[in-house]
Amino acid sequence: MDEALHVTNRLWREKYAEAMLELNPEELPARIAAAEKAIQQRIEELEGSNLEGSNEDTEEELWALNDAVRGLRVLAQAECRAPQSRKPDKRHRQEAT
C-alpha cells in the first residue's frame, strides 16, 4: 500500500474515533465535521486510485467509510440538537408534580 494512502486511511479512522468519543457537546459539531471531511477525502482517493478495477480491500474500506458516515449522521441527530428540542420524559414530569 502506498504510504500516503496508508496515512489517509489512518487519518479518517482517527477523526471518526475522535468524533464518536467526544463528550463535550460544544466540541462535537467540529469533530463531526472534521471526520466527515476526512472520510470524504478518503472516498475520493479510493475512487480515483481504483479506476482500473476494484479490489477486495478497497471495497471493504468503502463499506467501512459508508458505515462511518451513517454513524456520524446518527450521532449528529442524537447529540447536536438544541436542548429545547428534546421533550421531557414522562417520568420526570410525574416526579415534578
PDB file of N, CA and C in Angstrom:
ATOM      1  N   MET A   1       0.853  -1.183   0.000  1.00  0.00           N
ATOM      2  CA  MET A   1       0.000   0.000   0.000  1.00  0.00           C
ATOM      3  C   MET A   1       0.892   1.237   0.000  1.00  0.00           C
ATOM      4  N   ASP A   2       0.580   2.198  -0.800  1.00  0.00           N
ATOM      5  CA  ASP A   2       1.289   3.461  -0.861  1.00  0.00           C
ATOM      6  C   ASP A   2       1.232   4.120   0.518  1.00  0.00           C
ATOM      7  N   GLU A   3       2.374   4.696   0.964  1.00  0.00           N
ATOM      8  CA  GLU A   3       2.447   5.312   2.297  1.00  0.00           C
ATOM      9  C   GLU A   3       1.430   6.444   2.470  1.00  0.00           C
ATOM     10  N   ALA A   4       1.240   7.265   1.440  1.00  0.00           N
ATOM     11  CA  ALA A   4       0.273   8.366   1.538  1.00  0.00           C
ATOM     12  C   ALA A   4      -1.141   7.829   1.718  1.00  0.00           C
ATOM     13  N   LEU A   5      -1.485   6.762   1.010  1.00  0.00           N
ATOM     14  CA  LEU A   5      -2.813   6.170   1.159  1.00  0.00           C
ATOM     15  C   LEU A   5      -2.989   5.560   2.545  1.00  0.00           C
ATOM     16  N   HIS A   6      -1.916   4.987   3.073  1.00  0.00           N
ATOM     17  CA  HIS A   6      -1.981   4.407   4.413  1.00  0.00           C
ATOM     18  C   HIS A   6      -2.237   5.505   5.456  1.00  0.00           C
ATOM     19  N   VAL A   7      -1.587   6.660   5.286  1.00  0.00           N
ATOM     20  CA  VAL A   7      -1.760   7.770   6.228  1.00  0.00           C
ATOM     21  C   VAL A   7      -3.201   8.279   6.186  1.00  0.00           C
ATOM     22  N   THR A   8      -3.774   8.453   4.985  1.00  0.00           N
ATOM     23  CA  THR A   8      -5.141   8.959   4.914  1.00  0.00           C
ATOM     24  C   THR A   8      -6.139   7.915   5.397  1.00  0.00           C
ATOM     25  N   ASN A   9      -5.808   6.644   5.253  1.00  0.00           N
ATOM     26  CA  ASN A   9      -6.656   5.591   5.794  1.00  0.00           C
ATOM     27  C   ASN A   9      -6.694   5.724   7.312  1.00  0.00           C
ATOM     28  N   ARG A  10      -5.554   5.926   7.905  1.00  0.00           N
ATOM     29  CA  ARG A  10      -5.465   6.072   9.358  1.00  0.00           C
ATOM     30  C   ARG A  10      -6.108   7.383   9.813  1.00  0.00           C
ATOM     31  N   LEU A  11      -5.957   8.455   9.028  1.00  0.00           N
ATOM     32  CA  LEU A  11      -6.486   9.763   9.401  1.00  0.00           C
ATOM     33  C   LEU A  11      -8.006   9.740   9.550  1.00  0.00           C
ATOM     34  N   TRP A  12      -8.719   9.179   8.573  1.00  0.00           N
ATOM     35  CA  TRP A  12     -10.184   9.196   8.678  1.00  0.00           C
ATOM     36  C   TRP A  12     -10.632   8.364   9.864  1.00  0.00           C
ATOM     37  N   ARG A  13      -9.946   7.281  10.141  1.00  0.00           N
ATOM     38  CA  ARG A  13     -10.309   6.441  11.295  1.00  0.00           C
ATOM     39  C   ARG A  13     -10.084   7.188  12.613  1.00  0.00           C
ATOM     40  N   GLU A  14      -8.986   7.937  12.694  1.00  0.00           N
ATOM     41  CA  GLU A  14      -8.705   8.717  13.902  1.00  0.00           C
ATOM     42  C   GLU A  14      -9.745   9.818  14.094  1.00  0.00           C
ATOM     43  N   LYS A  15     -10.073  10.527  13.019  1.00  0.00           N
ATOM     44  CA  LYS A  15     -11.059  11.604  13.108  1.00  0.00           C
ATOM     45  C   LYS A  15     -12.437  11.052  13.469  1.00  0.00           C
ATOM     46  N   TYR A  16     -12.779   9.909  12.925  1.00  0.00           N
ATOM     47  CA  TYR A  16     -14.053   9.265  13.244  1.00  0.00           C
ATOM     48  C   TYR A  16     -14.100   8.892  14.726  1.00  0.00           C
ATOM     49  N   ALA A  17     -13.033   8.285  15.216  1.00  0.00           N
ATOM     50  CA  ALA A  17     -12.981   7.890  16.630  1.00  0.00           C
ATOM     51  C   ALA A  17     -13.065   9.114  17.540  1.00  0.00           C
ATOM     52  N   GLU A  18     -12.374  10.195  17.166  1.00  0.00           N
ATOM     53  CA  GLU A  18     -12.436  11.423  17.967  1.00  0.00           C
ATOM     54  C   GLU A  18     -13.866  11.956  18.054  1.00  0.00           C
ATOM     55  N   ALA A  19     -14.569  11.915  16.944  1.00  0.00           N
ATOM     56  CA  ALA A  19     -15.960  12.400  16.943  1.00  0.00           C
ATOM     57  C   ALA A  19     -16.845  11.503  17.791  1.00  0.00           C
ATOM     58  N   MET A  20     -16.704  10.211  17.631  1.00  0.00           N
ATOM     59  CA  MET A  20     -17.574   9.284  18.351  1.00  0.00           C
ATOM     60  C   MET A  20     -17.319   9.299  19.864  1.00  0.00           C
ATOM     61  N   LEU A  21     -16.111   9.667  20.253  1.00  0.00           N
ATOM     62  CA  LEU A  21     -15.758   9.654  21.673  1.00  0.00           C
ATOM     63  C   LEU A  21     -15.826  11.027  22.335  1.00  0.00           C
ATOM     64  N   GLU A  22     -16.154  12.060  21.554  1.00  0.00           N
ATOM     65  CA  GLU A  22     -16.208  13.422  22.106  1.00  0.00           C
ATOM     66  C   GLU A  22     -17.353  13.538  23.122  1.00  0.00           C
ATOM     67  N   LEU A  23     -17.027  14.031  24.295  1.00  0.00           N
ATOM     68  CA  LEU A  23     -18.020  14.186  25.357  1.00  0.00           C
ATOM     69  C   LEU A  23     -18.499  15.621  25.518  1.00  0.00           C
ATOM     70  N   ASN A  24     -17.743  16.570  24.999  1.00  0.00           N
ATOM     71  CA  ASN A  24     -18.096  17.982  25.126  1.00  0.00           C
ATOM     72  C   ASN A  24     -19.060  18.345  23.994  1.00  0.00           C
ATOM     73  N   PRO A  25     -20.318  18.663  24.322  1.00  0.00           N
ATOM     74  CA  PRO A  25     -21.298  18.968  23.273  1.00  0.00           C
ATOM     75  C   PRO A  25     -20.941  20.197  22.446  1.00  0.00           C
ATOM     76  N   GLU A  26     -20.143  21.095  22.995  1.00  0.00           N
ATOM     77  CA  GLU A  26     -19.733  22.274  22.233  1.00  0.00           C
ATOM     78  C   GLU A  26     -18.678  21.937  21.190  1.00  0.00           C
ATOM     79  N   GLU A  27     -17.889  20.912  21.436  1.00  0.00           N
ATOM     80  CA  GLU A  27     -16.838  20.487  20.508  1.00  0.00           C
ATOM     81  C   GLU A  27     -17.332  19.478  19.479  1.00  0.00           C
ATOM     82  N   LEU A  28     -18.430  18.822  19.781  1.00  0.00           N
ATOM     83  CA  LEU A  28     -18.904  17.728  18.940  1.00  0.00           C
ATOM     84  C   LEU A  28     -19.162  18.117  17.486  1.00  0.00           C
ATOM     85  N   PRO A  29     -19.855  19.209  17.194  1.00  0.00           N
ATOM     86  CA  PRO A  29     -20.087  19.548  15.782  1.00  0.00           C
ATOM     87  C   PRO A  29     -18.793  19.698  14.969  1.00  0.00           C
ATOM     88  N   ALA A  30     -17.767  20.293  15.574  1.00  0.00           N
ATOM     89  CA  ALA A  30     -16.485  20.443  14.871  1.00  0.00           C
ATOM     90  C   ALA A  30     -15.818  19.095  14.660  1.00  0.00           C
ATOM     91  N   ARG A  31     -15.919  18.204  15.631  1.00  0.00           N
ATOM     92  CA  ARG A  31     -15.335  16.858  15.492  1.00  0.00           C
ATOM     93  C   ARG A  31     -16.046  16.081  14.386  1.00  0.00           C
ATOM     94  N   ILE A  32     -17.364  16.199  14.348  1.00  0.00           N
ATOM     95  CA  ILE A  32     -18.130  15.511  13.310  1.00  0.00           C
ATOM     96  C   ILE A  32     -17.750  16.055  11.935  1.00  0.00           C
ATOM     97  N   ALA A  33     -17.657  17.375  11.814  1.00  0.00           N
ATOM     98  CA  ALA A  33     -17.297  17.985  10.527  1.00  0.00           C
ATOM     99  C   ALA A  33     -15.906  17.544  10.074  1.00  0.00           C
ATOM    100  N   ALA A  34     -14.958  17.489  10.999  1.00  0.00           N
ATOM    101  CA  ALA A  34     -13.599  17.054  10.654  1.00  0.00           C
ATOM    102  C   ALA A  34     -13.588  15.598  10.196  1.00  0.00           C
ATOM    103  N   ALA A  35     -14.357  14.767  10.870  1.00  0.00           N
ATOM    104  CA  ALA A  35     -14.432  13.356  10.481  1.00  0.00           C
ATOM    105  C   ALA A  35     -15.086  13.200   9.113  1.00  0.00           C
ATOM    106  N   GLU A  36     -16.169  13.942   8.884  1.00  0.00           N
ATOM    107  CA  GLU A  36     -16.839  13.865   7.577  1.00  0.00           C
ATOM    108  C   GLU A  36     -15.906  14.303   6.452  1.00  0.00           C
ATOM    109  N   LYS A  37     -15.120  15.345   6.696  1.00  0.00           N
ATOM    110  CA  LYS A  37     -14.183  15.833   5.688  1.00  0.00           C
ATOM    111  C   LYS A  37     -13.116  14.784   5.385  1.00  0.00           C
ATOM    112  N   ALA A  38     -12.550  14.189   6.426  1.00  0.00           N
ATOM    113  CA  ALA A  38     -11.520  13.169   6.243  1.00  0.00           C
ATOM    114  C   ALA A  38     -12.093  11.948   5.516  1.00  0.00           C
ATOM    115  N   ILE A  39     -13.308  11.572   5.838  1.00  0.00           N
ATOM    116  CA  ILE A  39     -13.960  10.438   5.187  1.00  0.00           C
ATOM    117  C   ILE A  39     -14.194  10.740   3.707  1.00  0.00           C
ATOM    118  N   GLN A  40     -14.691  11.927   3.417  1.00  0.00           N
ATOM    119  CA  GLN A  40     -14.944  12.296   2.018  1.00  0.00           C
ATOM    120  C   GLN A  40     -13.647  12.312   1.215  1.00  0.00           C
ATOM    121  N   GLN A  41     -12.570  12.826   1.800  1.00  0.00           N
ATOM    122  CA  GLN A  41     -11.279  12.831   1.117  1.00  0.00           C
ATOM    123  C   GLN A  41     -10.824  11.407   0.819  1.00  0.00           C
ATOM    124  N   ARG A  42     -11.012  10.529   1.793  1.00  0.00           N
ATOM    125  CA  ARG A  42     -10.587   9.140   1.603  1.00  0.00           C
ATOM    126  C   ARG A  42     -11.417   8.461   0.520  1.00  0.00           C
ATOM    127  N   ILE A  43     -12.713   8.708   0.489  1.00  0.00           N
ATOM    128  CA  ILE A  43     -13.564   8.135  -0.551  1.00  0.00           C
ATOM    129  C   ILE A  43     -13.088   8.600  -1.917  1.00  0.00           C
ATOM    130  N   GLU A  44     -12.792   9.886  -2.048  1.00  0.00           N
ATOM    131  CA  GLU A  44     -12.313  10.422  -3.324  1.00  0.00           C
ATOM    132  C   GLU A  44     -10.990   9.792  -3.725  1.00  0.00           C
ATOM    133  N   GLU A  45     -10.087   9.589  -2.759  1.00  0.00           N
ATOM    134  CA  GLU A  45      -8.801   8.946  -3.047  1.00  0.00           C
ATOM    135  C   GLU A  45      -9.003   7.529  -3.551  1.00  0.00           C
ATOM    136  N   LEU A  46      -9.861   6.787  -2.861  1.00  0.00           N
ATOM    137  CA  LEU A  46     -10.086   5.398  -3.256  1.00  0.00           C
ATOM    138  C   LEU A  46     -10.726   5.308  -4.635  1.00  0.00           C
ATOM    139  N   GLU A  47     -11.698   6.167  -4.893  1.00  0.00           N
ATOM    140  CA  GLU A  47     -12.358   6.148  -6.193  1.00  0.00           C
ATOM    141  C   GLU A  47     -11.393   6.572  -7.293  1.00  0.00           C
ATOM    142  N   GLY A  48     -10.521   7.532  -7.020  1.00  0.00           N
ATOM    143  CA  GLY A  48      -9.556   7.999  -8.006  1.00  0.00           C
ATOM    144  C   GLY A  48      -8.445   7.011  -8.271  1.00  0.00           C
ATOM    145  N   SER A  49      -8.006   6.288  -7.244  1.00  0.00           N
ATOM    146  CA  SER A  49      -6.902   5.349  -7.402  1.00  0.00           C
ATOM    147  C   SER A  49      -7.356   3.990  -7.903  1.00  0.00           C
ATOM    148  N   ASN A  50      -8.635   3.795  -8.008  1.00  0.00           N
ATOM    149  CA  ASN A  50      -9.168   2.480  -8.319  1.00  0.00           C
ATOM    150  C   ASN A  50      -9.970   2.476  -9.621  1.00  0.00           C
ATOM    151  N   LEU A  51      -9.568   3.305 -10.563  1.00  0.00           N
ATOM    152  CA  LEU A  51     -10.323   3.420 -11.804  1.00  0.00           C
ATOM    153  C   LEU A  51     -10.225   2.167 -12.668  1.00  0.00           C
ATOM    154  N   GLU A  52      -9.087   1.460 -12.608  1.00  0.00           N
ATOM    155  CA  GLU A  52      -8.903   0.279 -13.452  1.00  0.00           C
ATOM    156  C   GLU A  52      -9.805  -0.877 -13.049  1.00  0.00           C
ATOM    157  N   GLY A  53     -10.096  -0.982 -11.793  1.00  0.00           N
ATOM    158  CA  GLY A  53     -10.911  -2.087 -11.285  1.00  0.00           C
ATOM    159  C   GLY A  53     -10.831  -2.079  -9.774  1.00  0.00           C
ATOM    160  N   SER A  54     -11.734  -2.775  -9.162  1.00  0.00           N
ATOM    161  CA  SER A  54     -11.753  -2.748  -7.708  1.00  0.00           C
ATOM    162  C   SER A  54     -11.041  -3.966  -7.152  1.00  0.00           C
ATOM    163  N   ASN A  55     -10.555  -3.816  -5.943  1.00  0.00           N
ATOM    164  CA  ASN A  55     -10.024  -4.975  -5.239  1.00  0.00           C
ATOM    165  C   ASN A  55     -10.786  -5.120  -3.932  1.00  0.00           C
ATOM    166  N   GLU A  56     -10.612  -6.233  -3.318  1.00  0.00           N
ATOM    167  CA  GLU A  56     -11.388  -6.556  -2.119  1.00  0.00           C
ATOM    168  C   GLU A  56     -11.114  -5.595  -0.959  1.00  0.00           C
ATOM    169  N   ASP A  57      -9.850  -5.189  -0.785  1.00  0.00           N
ATOM    170  CA  ASP A  57      -9.512  -4.262   0.304  1.00  0.00           C
ATOM    171  C   ASP A  57     -10.196  -2.913   0.122  1.00  0.00           C
ATOM    172  N   THR A  58     -10.211  -2.431  -1.115  1.00  0.00           N
ATOM    173  CA  THR A  58     -10.844  -1.146  -1.390  1.00  0.00           C
ATOM    174  C   THR A  58     -12.339  -1.216  -1.127  1.00  0.00           C
ATOM    175  N   GLU A  59     -12.966  -2.275  -1.599  1.00  0.00           N
ATOM    176  CA  GLU A  59     -14.408  -2.426  -1.383  1.00  0.00           C
ATOM    177  C   GLU A  59     -14.730  -2.517   0.103  1.00  0.00           C
ATOM    178  N   GLU A  60     -13.898  -3.224   0.847  1.00  0.00           N
ATOM    179  CA  GLU A  60     -14.120  -3.358   2.286  1.00  0.00           C
ATOM    180  C   GLU A  60     -13.975  -2.010   2.987  1.00  0.00           C
ATOM    181  N   GLU A  61     -12.977  -1.232   2.582  1.00  0.00           N
ATOM    182  CA  GLU A  61     -12.804   0.084   3.197  1.00  0.00           C
ATOM    183  C   GLU A  61     -13.953   1.022   2.819  1.00  0.00           C
ATOM    184  N   LEU A  62     -14.433   0.937   1.585  1.00  0.00           N
ATOM    185  CA  LEU A  62     -15.570   1.764   1.185  1.00  0.00           C
ATOM    186  C   LEU A  62     -16.800   1.437   2.018  1.00  0.00           C
ATOM    187  N   TRP A  63     -17.011   0.160   2.327  1.00  0.00           N
ATOM    188  CA  TRP A  63     -18.119  -0.225   3.213  1.00  0.00           C
ATOM    189  C   TRP A  63     -17.927   0.404   4.588  1.00  0.00           C
ATOM    190  N   ALA A  64     -16.685   0.347   5.101  1.00  0.00           N
ATOM    191  CA  ALA A  64     -16.394   0.925   6.416  1.00  0.00           C
ATOM    192  C   ALA A  64     -16.602   2.439   6.407  1.00  0.00           C
ATOM    193  N   LEU A  65     -16.208   3.087   5.322  1.00  0.00           N
ATOM    194  CA  LEU A  65     -16.404   4.532   5.199  1.00  0.00           C
ATOM    195  C   LEU A  65     -17.890   4.884   5.193  1.00  0.00           C
ATOM    196  N   ASN A  66     -18.668   4.131   4.446  1.00  0.00           N
ATOM    197  CA  ASN A  66     -20.115   4.380   4.405  1.00  0.00           C
ATOM    198  C   ASN A  66     -20.762   4.145   5.771  1.00  0.00           C
ATOM    199  N   ASP A  67     -20.320   3.106   6.465  1.00  0.00           N
ATOM    200  CA  ASP A  67     -20.831   2.862   7.818  1.00  0.00           C
ATOM    201  C   ASP A  67     -20.472   4.018   8.751  1.00  0.00           C
ATOM    202  N   ALA A  68     -19.259   4.538   8.603  1.00  0.00           N
ATOM    203  CA  ALA A  68     -18.821   5.659   9.441  1.00  0.00           C
ATOM    204  C   ALA A  68     -19.668   6.899   9.176  1.00  0.00           C
ATOM    205  N   VAL A  69     -19.972   7.172   7.914  1.00  0.00           N
ATOM    206  CA  VAL A  69     -20.819   8.323   7.584  1.00  0.00           C
ATOM    207  C   VAL A  69     -22.185   8.171   8.232  1.00  0.00           C
ATOM    208  N   ARG A  70     -22.757   6.979   8.150  1.00  0.00           N
ATOM    209  CA  ARG A  70     -24.059   6.745   8.786  1.00  0.00           C
ATOM    210  C   ARG A  70     -23.971   6.924  10.303  1.00  0.00           C
ATOM    211  N   GLY A  71     -22.903   6.443  10.893  1.00  0.00           N
ATOM    212  CA  GLY A  71     -22.720   6.595  12.332  1.00  0.00           C
ATOM    213  C   GLY A  71     -22.617   8.055  12.744  1.00  0.00           C
ATOM    214  N   LEU A  72     -21.915   8.847  11.944  1.00  0.00           N
ATOM    215  CA  LEU A  72     -21.795  10.275  12.243  1.00  0.00           C
ATOM    216  C   LEU A  72     -23.137  10.983  12.113  1.00  0.00           C
ATOM    217  N   ARG A  73     -23.926  10.580  11.135  1.00  0.00           N
ATOM    218  CA  ARG A  73     -25.257  11.187  10.973  1.00  0.00           C
ATOM    219  C   ARG A  73     -26.144  10.890  12.172  1.00  0.00           C
ATOM    220  N   VAL A  74     -26.102   9.657  12.637  1.00  0.00           N
ATOM    221  CA  VAL A  74     -26.894   9.287  13.817  1.00  0.00           C
ATOM    222  C   VAL A  74     -26.419  10.076  15.030  1.00  0.00           C
ATOM    223  N   LEU A  75     -25.110  10.162  15.196  1.00  0.00           N
ATOM    224  CA  LEU A  75     -24.552  10.924  16.313  1.00  0.00           C
ATOM    225  C   LEU A  75     -24.985  12.381  16.243  1.00  0.00           C
ATOM    226  N   ALA A  76     -24.900  12.971  15.070  1.00  0.00           N
ATOM    227  CA  ALA A  76     -25.280  14.374  14.911  1.00  0.00           C
ATOM    228  C   ALA A  76     -26.757  14.585  15.225  1.00  0.00           C
ATOM    229  N   GLN A  77     -27.601  13.686  14.755  1.00  0.00           N
ATOM    230  CA  GLN A  77     -29.036  13.820  15.014  1.00  0.00           C
ATOM    231  C   GLN A  77     -29.340  13.653  16.496  1.00  0.00           C
ATOM    232  N   ALA A  78     -28.649  12.755  17.151  1.00  0.00           N
ATOM    233  CA  ALA A  78     -28.944  12.470  18.557  1.00  0.00           C
ATOM    234  C   ALA A  78     -28.340  13.492  19.510  1.00  0.00           C
ATOM    235  N   GLU A  79     -27.167  14.009  19.188  1.00  0.00           N
ATOM    236  CA  GLU A  79     -26.439  14.813  20.161  1.00  0.00           C
ATOM    237  C   GLU A  79     -26.304  16.289  19.823  1.00  0.00           C
ATOM    238  N   CYS A  80     -26.530  16.668  18.591  1.00  0.00           N
ATOM    239  CA  CYS A  80     -26.287  18.062  18.194  1.00  0.00           C
ATOM    240  C   CYS A  80     -27.573  18.865  18.072  1.00  0.00           C
ATOM    241  N   ARG A  81     -28.627  18.392  18.684  1.00  0.00           N
ATOM    242  CA  ARG A  81     -29.885  19.146  18.697  1.00  0.00           C
ATOM    243  C   ARG A  81     -29.815  20.218  19.757  1.00  0.00           C
ATOM    244  N   ALA A  82     -30.593  21.238  19.562  1.00  0.00           N
ATOM    245  CA  ALA A  82     -30.727  22.259  20.599  1.00  0.00           C
ATOM    246  C   ALA A  82     -31.439  21.630  21.791  1.00  0.00           C
ATOM    247  N   PRO A  83     -31.046  21.953  23.010  1.00  0.00           N
ATOM    248  CA  PRO A  83     -31.681  21.348  24.187  1.00  0.00           C
ATOM    249  C   PRO A  83     -33.182  21.548  24.234  1.00  0.00           C
ATOM    250  N   GLN A  84     -33.704  22.666  23.692  1.00  0.00           N
ATOM    251  CA  GLN A  84     -35.133  22.917  23.725  1.00  0.00           C
ATOM    252  C   GLN A  84     -35.906  21.910  22.887  1.00  0.00           C
ATOM    253  N   SER A  85     -35.265  21.281  21.921  1.00  0.00           N
ATOM    254  CA  SER A  85     -35.983  20.375  21.031  1.00  0.00           C
ATOM    255  C   SER A  85     -36.262  19.022  21.685  1.00  0.00           C
ATOM    256  N   ARG A  86     -35.628  18.760  22.791  1.00  0.00           N
ATOM    257  CA  ARG A  86     -35.851  17.487  23.468  1.00  0.00           C
ATOM    258  C   ARG A  86     -37.070  17.595  24.366  1.00  0.00           C
ATOM    259  N   LYS A  87     -37.947  16.624  24.242  1.00  0.00           N
ATOM    260  CA  LYS A  87     -39.145  16.618  25.080  1.00  0.00           C
ATOM    261  C   LYS A  87     -38.808  15.935  26.399  1.00  0.00           C
ATOM    262  N   PRO A  88     -39.303  16.459  27.491  1.00  0.00           N
ATOM    263  CA  PRO A  88     -39.029  15.826  28.776  1.00  0.00           C
ATOM    264  C   PRO A  88     -39.672  14.445  28.843  1.00  0.00           C
ATOM    265  N   ASP A  89     -39.009  13.579  29.504  1.00  0.00           N
ATOM    266  CA  ASP A  89     -39.500  12.226  29.712  1.00  0.00           C
ATOM    267  C   ASP A  89     -40.721  12.284  30.628  1.00  0.00           C
ATOM    268  N   LYS A  90     -41.726  11.455  30.385  1.00  0.00           N
ATOM    269  CA  LYS A  90     -42.945  11.446  31.187  1.00  0.00           C
ATOM    270  C   LYS A  90     -42.641  11.187  32.657  1.00  0.00           C
ATOM    271  N   ARG A  91     -41.671  10.361  32.928  1.00  0.00           N
ATOM    272  CA  ARG A  91     -41.332  10.042  34.322  1.00  0.00           C
ATOM    273  C   ARG A  91     -40.877  11.285  35.064  1.00  0.00           C
ATOM    274  N   HIS A  92     -40.104  12.145  34.383  1.00  0.00           N
ATOM    275  CA  HIS A  92     -39.633  13.353  35.025  1.00  0.00           C
ATOM    276  C   HIS A  92     -40.773  14.320  35.301  1.00  0.00           C
ATOM    277  N   ARG A  93     -41.739  14.377  34.398  1.00  0.00           N
ATOM    278  CA  ARG A  93     -42.896  15.258  34.620  1.00  0.00           C
ATOM    279  C   ARG A  93     -43.725  14.753  35.792  1.00  0.00           C
ATOM    280  N   GLN A  94     -43.875  13.449  35.927  1.00  0.00           N
ATOM    281  CA  GLN A  94     -44.667  12.894  37.014  1.00  0.00           C
ATOM    282  C   GLN A  94     -43.995  13.149  38.349  1.00  0.00           C
ATOM    283  N   GLU A  95     -42.660  13.050  38.377  1.00  0.00           N
ATOM    284  CA  GLU A  95     -41.933  13.283  39.613  1.00  0.00           C
ATOM    285  C   GLU A  95     -42.054  14.736  40.041  1.00  0.00           C
ATOM    286  N   ALA A  96     -42.115  15.649  39.078  1.00  0.00           N
ATOM    287  CA  ALA A  96     -42.175  17.076  39.374  1.00  0.00           C
ATOM    288  C   ALA A  96     -43.545  17.479  39.908  1.00  0.00           C
ATOM    289  N   THR A  97     -44.589  16.706  39.623  1.00  0.00           N
ATOM    290  CA  THR A  97     -45.946  17.064  40.078  1.00  0.00           C
ATOM    291  C   THR A  97     -46.292  16.434  41.395  1.00  0.00           C
TER     292      THR A  97
END
